[in-house]
PDB file of N, CA and C in Angstrom:
ATOM      1  N   UNK A   1      46.833  54.545  19.785  1.00  0.00           N
ATOM      2  CA  UNK A   1      46.141  53.287  19.196  1.00  0.00           C
ATOM      3  C   UNK A   1      45.853  53.092  20.376  1.00  0.00           C
ATOM      4  N   UNK A   2      44.589  52.563  20.701  1.00  0.00           N
ATOM      5  CA  UNK A   2      43.996  51.161  21.210  1.00  0.00           C
ATOM      6  C   UNK A   2      44.794  49.869  20.503  1.00  0.00           C
ATOM      7  N   UNK A   3      44.795  49.216  21.112  1.00  0.00           N
ATOM      8  CA  UNK A   3      45.185  47.874  20.680  1.00  0.00           C
ATOM      9  C   UNK A   3      43.740  47.057  20.260  1.00  0.00           C
ATOM     10  N   UNK A   4      42.764  47.136  20.565  1.00  0.00           N
ATOM     11  CA  UNK A   4      41.723  46.673  19.748  1.00  0.00           C
ATOM     12  C   UNK A   4      41.792  46.607  18.416  1.00  0.00           C
ATOM     13  N   UNK A   5      42.388  48.177  18.040  1.00  0.00           N
ATOM     14  CA  UNK A   5      41.842  47.862  16.660  1.00  0.00           C
ATOM     15  C   UNK A   5      42.758  47.852  15.911  1.00  0.00           C
ATOM     16  N   UNK A   6      44.339  47.149  15.927  1.00  0.00           N
ATOM     17  CA  UNK A   6      44.653  46.289  15.278  1.00  0.00           C
ATOM     18  C   UNK A   6      43.932  45.373  15.119  1.00  0.00           C
ATOM     19  N   UNK A   7      43.643  44.508  16.064  1.00  0.00           N
ATOM     20  CA  UNK A   7      42.918  42.975  15.524  1.00  0.00           C
ATOM     21  C   UNK A   7      41.650  43.147  14.256  1.00  0.00           C
ATOM     22  N   UNK A   8      41.906  41.840  13.491  1.00  0.00           N
ATOM     23  CA  UNK A   8      40.614  42.507  12.344  1.00  0.00           C
ATOM     24  C   UNK A   8      38.895  41.751  12.922  1.00  0.00           C
ATOM     25  N   UNK A   9      38.414  42.385  12.988  1.00  0.00           N
ATOM     26  CA  UNK A   9      37.403  42.181  13.164  1.00  0.00           C
ATOM     27  C   UNK A   9      36.104  41.063  12.811  1.00  0.00           C
ATOM     28  N   UNK A  10      35.848  39.958  13.915  1.00  0.00           N
ATOM     29  CA  UNK A  10      34.690  38.745  13.832  1.00  0.00           C
ATOM     30  C   UNK A  10      35.707  37.485  12.855  1.00  0.00           C
ATOM     31  N   UNK A  11      37.164  37.804  13.282  1.00  0.00           N
ATOM     32  CA  UNK A  11      37.681  36.887  13.143  1.00  0.00           C
ATOM     33  C   UNK A  11      38.345  35.643  14.068  1.00  0.00           C
ATOM     34  N   UNK A  12      38.001  34.948  13.705  1.00  0.00           N
ATOM     35  CA  UNK A  12      37.834  33.556  15.208  1.00  0.00           C
ATOM     36  C   UNK A  12      38.131  32.041  14.083  1.00  0.00           C
ATOM     37  N   UNK A  13      39.369  31.305  15.165  1.00  0.00           N
ATOM     38  CA  UNK A  13      39.784  29.997  13.768  1.00  0.00           C
ATOM     39  C   UNK A  13      38.682  28.745  13.832  1.00  0.00           C
ATOM     40  N   UNK A  14      38.695  28.026  13.289  1.00  0.00           N
ATOM     41  CA  UNK A  14      37.546  27.501  12.272  1.00  0.00           C
ATOM     42  C   UNK A  14      37.708  26.153  13.494  1.00  0.00           C
ATOM     43  N   UNK A  15      39.048  26.018  14.134  1.00  0.00           N
ATOM     44  CA  UNK A  15      38.816  24.903  15.327  1.00  0.00           C
ATOM     45  C   UNK A  15      37.721  25.518  16.154  1.00  0.00           C
ATOM     46  N   UNK A  16      37.171  26.309  16.520  1.00  0.00           N
ATOM     47  CA  UNK A  16      36.135  26.942  17.173  1.00  0.00           C
ATOM     48  C   UNK A  16      35.311  26.772  16.692  1.00  0.00           C
ATOM     49  N   UNK A  17      34.886  26.957  15.643  1.00  0.00           N
ATOM     50  CA  UNK A  17      33.638  27.289  14.642  1.00  0.00           C
ATOM     51  C   UNK A  17      32.976  25.519  14.669  1.00  0.00           C
ATOM     52  N   UNK A  18      34.042  24.833  14.290  1.00  0.00           N
ATOM     53  CA  UNK A  18      34.056  23.431  14.741  1.00  0.00           C
ATOM     54  C   UNK A  18      33.520  22.782  15.753  1.00  0.00           C
ATOM     55  N   UNK A  19      34.309  23.515  17.401  1.00  0.00           N
ATOM     56  CA  UNK A  19      34.110  22.932  18.809  1.00  0.00           C
ATOM     57  C   UNK A  19      31.987  23.228  18.360  1.00  0.00           C
ATOM     58  N   UNK A  20      32.400  24.794  18.384  1.00  0.00           N
ATOM     59  CA  UNK A  20      30.739  24.560  18.905  1.00  0.00           C
ATOM     60  C   UNK A  20      29.968  24.897  18.124  1.00  0.00           C
ATOM     61  N   UNK A  21      29.924  24.184  16.945  1.00  0.00           N
ATOM     62  CA  UNK A  21      28.966  23.319  16.082  1.00  0.00           C
ATOM     63  C   UNK A  21      28.079  22.107  16.214  1.00  0.00           C
ATOM     64  N   UNK A  22      29.881  21.526  17.377  1.00  0.00           N
ATOM     65  CA  UNK A  22      29.323  20.410  17.502  1.00  0.00           C
ATOM     66  C   UNK A  22      28.835  19.966  18.885  1.00  0.00           C
ATOM     67  N   UNK A  23      29.040  21.147  19.787  1.00  0.00           N
ATOM     68  CA  UNK A  23      28.299  21.359  21.242  1.00  0.00           C
ATOM     69  C   UNK A  23      26.809  21.669  20.941  1.00  0.00           C
ATOM     70  N   UNK A  24      26.411  22.763  19.803  1.00  0.00           N
ATOM     71  CA  UNK A  24      25.127  22.895  19.300  1.00  0.00           C
ATOM     72  C   UNK A  24      24.663  21.463  19.054  1.00  0.00           C
ATOM     73  N   UNK A  25      24.862  20.808  17.464  1.00  0.00           N
ATOM     74  CA  UNK A  25      24.684  19.561  17.685  1.00  0.00           C
ATOM     75  C   UNK A  25      24.370  18.535  19.062  1.00  0.00           C
ATOM     76  N   UNK A  26      25.230  17.763  19.710  1.00  0.00           N
ATOM     77  CA  UNK A  26      25.002  17.886  20.645  1.00  0.00           C
ATOM     78  C   UNK A  26      23.828  18.164  21.768  1.00  0.00           C
ATOM     79  N   UNK A  27      23.542  19.025  21.718  1.00  0.00           N
ATOM     80  CA  UNK A  27      22.124  20.046  22.376  1.00  0.00           C
ATOM     81  C   UNK A  27      21.248  19.456  21.736  1.00  0.00           C
ATOM     82  N   UNK A  28      20.804  19.502  20.318  1.00  0.00           N
ATOM     83  CA  UNK A  28      19.683  19.368  19.924  1.00  0.00           C
ATOM     84  C   UNK A  28      19.654  18.596  19.621  1.00  0.00           C
ATOM     85  N   UNK A  29      20.678  16.999  19.726  1.00  0.00           N
ATOM     86  CA  UNK A  29      20.583  15.108  19.787  1.00  0.00           C
ATOM     87  C   UNK A  29      19.405  15.247  21.428  1.00  0.00           C
ATOM     88  N   UNK A  30      19.850  16.412  22.250  1.00  0.00           N
ATOM     89  CA  UNK A  30      19.639  15.487  23.631  1.00  0.00           C
ATOM     90  C   UNK A  30      18.441  16.096  23.959  1.00  0.00           C
ATOM     91  N   UNK A  31      17.501  17.677  23.010  1.00  0.00           N
ATOM     92  CA  UNK A  31      16.504  17.654  23.118  1.00  0.00           C
ATOM     93  C   UNK A  31      15.529  16.864  22.275  1.00  0.00           C
ATOM     94  N   UNK A  32      15.600  16.685  21.207  1.00  0.00           N
ATOM     95  CA  UNK A  32      14.912  15.406  20.310  1.00  0.00           C
ATOM     96  C   UNK A  32      14.626  13.880  21.505  1.00  0.00           C
ATOM     97  N   UNK A  33      16.043  13.888  22.260  1.00  0.00           N
ATOM     98  CA  UNK A  33      15.640  12.812  22.456  1.00  0.00           C
ATOM     99  C   UNK A  33      14.609  12.724  23.910  1.00  0.00           C
ATOM    100  N   UNK A  34      14.954  13.881  24.552  1.00  0.00           N
ATOM    101  CA  UNK A  34      14.021  14.454  26.024  1.00  0.00           C
ATOM    102  C   UNK A  34      12.064  14.338  24.948  1.00  0.00           C
ATOM    103  N   UNK A  35      12.475  14.589  24.146  1.00  0.00           N
ATOM    104  CA  UNK A  35      11.191  15.165  23.289  1.00  0.00           C
ATOM    105  C   UNK A  35      10.705  13.585  23.283  1.00  0.00           C
ATOM    106  N   UNK A  36      11.140  12.592  22.124  1.00  0.00           N
ATOM    107  CA  UNK A  36      10.640  11.495  21.922  1.00  0.00           C
ATOM    108  C   UNK A  36      10.212  10.759  23.563  1.00  0.00           C
ATOM    109  N   UNK A  37      10.743  10.625  24.407  1.00  0.00           N
ATOM    110  CA  UNK A  37      10.904  10.291  26.040  1.00  0.00           C
ATOM    111  C   UNK A  37      10.000  10.603  26.674  1.00  0.00           C
ATOM    112  N   UNK A  38       9.377  12.228  26.079  1.00  0.00           N
ATOM    113  CA  UNK A  38       7.795  12.494  26.535  1.00  0.00           C
ATOM    114  C   UNK A  38       6.970  11.972  25.789  1.00  0.00           C
ATOM    115  N   UNK A  39       7.312  12.142  25.053  1.00  0.00           N
ATOM    116  CA  UNK A  39       6.049  11.667  23.583  1.00  0.00           C
ATOM    117  C   UNK A  39       5.872   9.745  24.475  1.00  0.00           C
ATOM    118  N   UNK A  40       6.185  10.070  24.383  1.00  0.00           N
ATOM    119  CA  UNK A  40       6.259   8.025  24.972  1.00  0.00           C
ATOM    120  C   UNK A  40       6.270   7.879  25.974  1.00  0.00           C
ATOM    121  N   UNK A  41       6.371   8.311  26.821  1.00  0.00           N
ATOM    122  CA  UNK A  41       5.223   8.256  28.299  1.00  0.00           C
ATOM    123  C   UNK A  41       4.032   8.863  28.061  1.00  0.00           C
ATOM    124  N   UNK A  42       3.851  10.171  27.195  1.00  0.00           N
ATOM    125  CA  UNK A  42       1.995  10.719  27.164  1.00  0.00           C
ATOM    126  C   UNK A  42       1.719   9.040  26.351  1.00  0.00           C
ATOM    127  N   UNK A  43       2.191   8.972  25.328  1.00  0.00           N
ATOM    128  CA  UNK A  43       1.477   7.628  24.466  1.00  0.00           C
ATOM    129  C   UNK A  43       0.988   5.969  25.640  1.00  0.00           C
ATOM    130  N   UNK A  44       2.065   5.613  26.739  1.00  0.00           N
ATOM    131  CA  UNK A  44       1.725   5.252  27.431  1.00  0.00           C
ATOM    132  C   UNK A  44       0.971   5.117  28.186  1.00  0.00           C
ATOM    133  N   UNK A  45       0.582   7.038  29.260  1.00  0.00           N
ATOM    134  CA  UNK A  45      -0.292   7.290  29.738  1.00  0.00           C
ATOM    135  C   UNK A  45      -1.723   7.009  28.996  1.00  0.00           C
ATOM    136  N   UNK A  46      -2.298   7.207  27.934  1.00  0.00           N
ATOM    137  CA  UNK A  46      -3.147   6.816  26.895  1.00  0.00           C
ATOM    138  C   UNK A  46      -3.777   5.928  26.599  1.00  0.00           C
ATOM    139  N   UNK A  47      -2.680   5.321  26.957  1.00  0.00           N
ATOM    140  CA  UNK A  47      -2.915   3.059  26.775  1.00  0.00           C
ATOM    141  C   UNK A  47      -3.218   3.066  27.837  1.00  0.00           C
ATOM    142  N   UNK A  48      -3.050   3.590  29.277  1.00  0.00           N
ATOM    143  CA  UNK A  48      -3.035   2.625  30.334  1.00  0.00           C
ATOM    144  C   UNK A  48      -4.504   3.557  30.691  1.00  0.00           C
ATOM    145  N   UNK A  49      -4.816   4.616  30.524  1.00  0.00           N
ATOM    146  CA  UNK A  49      -6.562   5.067  30.466  1.00  0.00           C
ATOM    147  C   UNK A  49      -6.950   4.506  29.959  1.00  0.00           C
ATOM    148  N   UNK A  50      -6.096   3.872  28.420  1.00  0.00           N
ATOM    149  CA  UNK A  50      -7.872   3.348  27.609  1.00  0.00           C
ATOM    150  C   UNK A  50      -8.231   2.143  28.054  1.00  0.00           C
ATOM    151  N   UNK A  51      -6.657   0.783  28.201  1.00  0.00           N
ATOM    152  CA  UNK A  51      -7.373  -0.146  29.204  1.00  0.00           C
ATOM    153  C   UNK A  51      -7.968  -0.078  30.238  1.00  0.00           C
ATOM    154  N   UNK A  52      -7.976   0.592  31.287  1.00  0.00           N
ATOM    155  CA  UNK A  52      -9.509   0.728  32.484  1.00  0.00           C
ATOM    156  C   UNK A  52      -9.952   1.316  31.965  1.00  0.00           C
ATOM    157  N   UNK A  53     -10.718   1.833  31.135  1.00  0.00           N
ATOM    158  CA  UNK A  53     -11.944   2.350  30.493  1.00  0.00           C
ATOM    159  C   UNK A  53     -12.085   0.917  30.506  1.00  0.00           C
ATOM    160  N   UNK A  54     -11.950   0.781  29.640  1.00  0.00           N
ATOM    161  CA  UNK A  54     -12.426  -0.789  28.958  1.00  0.00           C
ATOM    162  C   UNK A  54     -12.695  -1.943  30.544  1.00  0.00           C
ATOM    163  N   UNK A  55     -11.746  -1.888  31.191  1.00  0.00           N
ATOM    164  CA  UNK A  55     -11.813  -3.304  31.945  1.00  0.00           C
ATOM    165  C   UNK A  55     -13.248  -2.310  33.025  1.00  0.00           C
ATOM    166  N   UNK A  56     -13.459  -1.422  33.155  1.00  0.00           N
ATOM    167  CA  UNK A  56     -14.621  -0.538  33.884  1.00  0.00           C
ATOM    168  C   UNK A  56     -16.176  -1.084  32.935  1.00  0.00           C
ATOM    169  N   UNK A  57     -15.754  -0.926  31.691  1.00  0.00           N
ATOM    170  CA  UNK A  57     -17.109  -1.399  30.531  1.00  0.00           C
ATOM    171  C   UNK A  57     -17.135  -2.377  30.704  1.00  0.00           C
ATOM    172  N   UNK A  58     -16.235  -3.620  30.742  1.00  0.00           N
ATOM    173  CA  UNK A  58     -16.929  -4.986  31.022  1.00  0.00           C
ATOM    174  C   UNK A  58     -16.883  -5.268  31.764  1.00  0.00           C
ATOM    175  N   UNK A  59     -16.265  -4.517  32.883  1.00  0.00           N
ATOM    176  CA  UNK A  59     -17.219  -4.864  34.617  1.00  0.00           C
ATOM    177  C   UNK A  59     -18.475  -4.472  34.726  1.00  0.00           C
ATOM    178  N   UNK A  60     -19.110  -3.187  33.646  1.00  0.00           N
ATOM    179  CA  UNK A  60     -19.704  -2.603  34.539  1.00  0.00           C
ATOM    180  C   UNK A  60     -21.465  -3.731  33.513  1.00  0.00           C
ATOM    181  N   UNK A  61     -20.276  -3.892  32.323  1.00  0.00           N
ATOM    182  CA  UNK A  61     -21.388  -4.820  31.928  1.00  0.00           C
ATOM    183  C   UNK A  61     -21.322  -5.845  32.067  1.00  0.00           C
ATOM    184  N   UNK A  62     -20.666  -7.056  32.745  1.00  0.00           N
ATOM    185  CA  UNK A  62     -21.059  -8.179  33.519  1.00  0.00           C
ATOM    186  C   UNK A  62     -21.786  -8.726  34.586  1.00  0.00           C
ATOM    187  N   UNK A  63     -21.306  -7.046  35.324  1.00  0.00           N
ATOM    188  CA  UNK A  63     -22.817  -7.074  36.747  1.00  0.00           C
ATOM    189  C   UNK A  63     -23.967  -6.494  35.921  1.00  0.00           C
ATOM    190  N   UNK A  64     -24.238  -5.812  34.714  1.00  0.00           N
ATOM    191  CA  UNK A  64     -26.059  -6.206  34.440  1.00  0.00           C
ATOM    192  C   UNK A  64     -26.579  -6.895  33.742  1.00  0.00           C
ATOM    193  N   UNK A  65     -25.423  -7.746  33.209  1.00  0.00           N
ATOM    194  CA  UNK A  65     -25.578  -9.175  32.759  1.00  0.00           C
ATOM    195  C   UNK A  65     -25.578  -9.849  34.054  1.00  0.00           C
ATOM    196  N   UNK A  66     -25.482 -10.243  34.983  1.00  0.00           N
ATOM    197  CA  UNK A  66     -25.773 -10.856  36.220  1.00  0.00           C
ATOM    198  C   UNK A  66     -27.164 -10.152  36.539  1.00  0.00           C
ATOM    199  N   UNK A  67     -27.201  -8.766  37.041  1.00  0.00           N
ATOM    200  CA  UNK A  67     -28.714  -8.971  37.484  1.00  0.00           C
ATOM    201  C   UNK A  67     -29.503  -8.990  36.675  1.00  0.00           C
ATOM    202  N   UNK A  68     -29.302  -9.373  35.144  1.00  0.00           N
ATOM    203  CA  UNK A  68     -30.106  -9.510  34.391  1.00  0.00           C
ATOM    204  C   UNK A  68     -30.519 -10.316  34.515  1.00  0.00           C
ATOM    205  N   UNK A  69     -29.542 -11.992  34.423  1.00  0.00           N
ATOM    206  CA  UNK A  69     -30.224 -13.014  34.831  1.00  0.00           C
ATOM    207  C   UNK A  69     -30.346 -13.480  35.623  1.00  0.00           C
ATOM    208  N   UNK A  70     -30.220 -12.891  37.452  1.00  0.00           N
ATOM    209  CA  UNK A  70     -31.169 -12.822  38.638  1.00  0.00           C
ATOM    210  C   UNK A  70     -32.112 -12.763  38.301  1.00  0.00           C
ATOM    211  N   UNK A  71     -32.854 -11.885  37.528  1.00  0.00           N
ATOM    212  CA  UNK A  71     -34.573 -10.733  37.369  1.00  0.00           C
ATOM    213  C   UNK A  71     -34.743 -11.914  36.579  1.00  0.00           C
ATOM    214  N   UNK A  72     -34.049 -12.266  35.348  1.00  0.00           N
ATOM    215  CA  UNK A  72     -34.960 -13.713  34.282  1.00  0.00           C
ATOM    216  C   UNK A  72     -35.648 -14.781  35.063  1.00  0.00           C
ATOM    217  N   UNK A  73     -34.621 -15.192  35.898  1.00  0.00           N
ATOM    218  CA  UNK A  73     -34.620 -16.486  37.497  1.00  0.00           C
ATOM    219  C   UNK A  73     -35.238 -16.753  38.288  1.00  0.00           C
ATOM    220  N   UNK A  74     -35.864 -15.407  38.653  1.00  0.00           N
ATOM    221  CA  UNK A  74     -36.730 -14.294  39.553  1.00  0.00           C
ATOM    222  C   UNK A  74     -38.396 -14.913  38.726  1.00  0.00           C
ATOM    223  N   UNK A  75     -38.302 -14.156  37.759  1.00  0.00           N
ATOM    224  CA  UNK A  75     -39.071 -14.292  37.155  1.00  0.00           C
ATOM    225  C   UNK A  75     -39.920 -15.353  36.663  1.00  0.00           C
ATOM    226  N   UNK A  76     -38.973 -15.947  36.245  1.00  0.00           N
ATOM    227  CA  UNK A  76     -39.486 -17.419  35.956  1.00  0.00           C
ATOM    228  C   UNK A  76     -39.613 -18.451  36.624  1.00  0.00           C
ATOM    229  N   UNK A  77     -39.008 -18.541  37.822  1.00  0.00           N
ATOM    230  CA  UNK A  77     -39.488 -18.963  40.112  1.00  0.00           C
ATOM    231  C   UNK A  77     -41.548 -18.744  39.539  1.00  0.00           C
ATOM    232  N   UNK A  78     -41.577 -17.437  39.310  1.00  0.00           N
ATOM    233  CA  UNK A  78     -42.613 -16.286  40.128  1.00  0.00           C
ATOM    234  C   UNK A  78     -43.674 -17.194  38.916  1.00  0.00           C
ATOM    235  N   UNK A  79     -43.282 -17.373  37.889  1.00  0.00           N
ATOM    236  CA  UNK A  79     -44.157 -17.896  36.643  1.00  0.00           C
ATOM    237  C   UNK A  79     -44.581 -19.104  36.525  1.00  0.00           C
ATOM    238  N   UNK A  80     -43.635 -19.841  37.357  1.00  0.00           N
ATOM    239  CA  UNK A  80     -43.603 -21.193  36.909  1.00  0.00           C
ATOM    240  C   UNK A  80     -44.942 -21.616  38.621  1.00  0.00           C
ATOM    241  N   UNK A  81     -44.241 -20.737  39.613  1.00  0.00           N
ATOM    242  CA  UNK A  81     -45.186 -20.281  40.903  1.00  0.00           C
ATOM    243  C   UNK A  81     -47.011 -20.771  40.612  1.00  0.00           C
ATOM    244  N   UNK A  82     -46.669 -19.774  39.701  1.00  0.00           N
ATOM    245  CA  UNK A  82     -48.672 -19.809  38.739  1.00  0.00           C
ATOM    246  C   UNK A  82     -48.922 -20.631  38.503  1.00  0.00           C
ATOM    247  N   UNK A  83     -48.654 -21.357  37.063  1.00  0.00           N
ATOM    248  CA  UNK A  83     -48.775 -22.098  36.787  1.00  0.00           C
ATOM    249  C   UNK A  83     -48.700 -23.741  37.690  1.00  0.00           C
ATOM    250  N   UNK A  84     -48.557 -23.846  38.992  1.00  0.00           N
ATOM    251  CA  UNK A  84     -49.235 -25.160  39.514  1.00  0.00           C
ATOM    252  C   UNK A  84     -50.404 -24.543  40.893  1.00  0.00           C
ATOM    253  N   UNK A  85     -50.192 -23.440  40.701  1.00  0.00           N
ATOM    254  CA  UNK A  85     -51.445 -22.605  41.669  1.00  0.00           C
ATOM    255  C   UNK A  85     -53.311 -23.263  40.997  1.00  0.00           C
TER     256      UNK A  85
END
């Protein structure tokens, strides 16, 4: 008879089971932390992109308002010149 037949099948000390379960829990916690960090990084990137878009829109609106004010001042000077003639 082989020696293995004398052993009980699927029996392990409860200490081993506790240790393995603790290891699994630690691994799950580490994975959750990594996921949370990745989510935070993605949110920060999205916020930065939104800020850049807002800055571009503001700069475009400022340049448009400047060009409009320049064109208005030019048109006013042309009209005032016609009145004198």
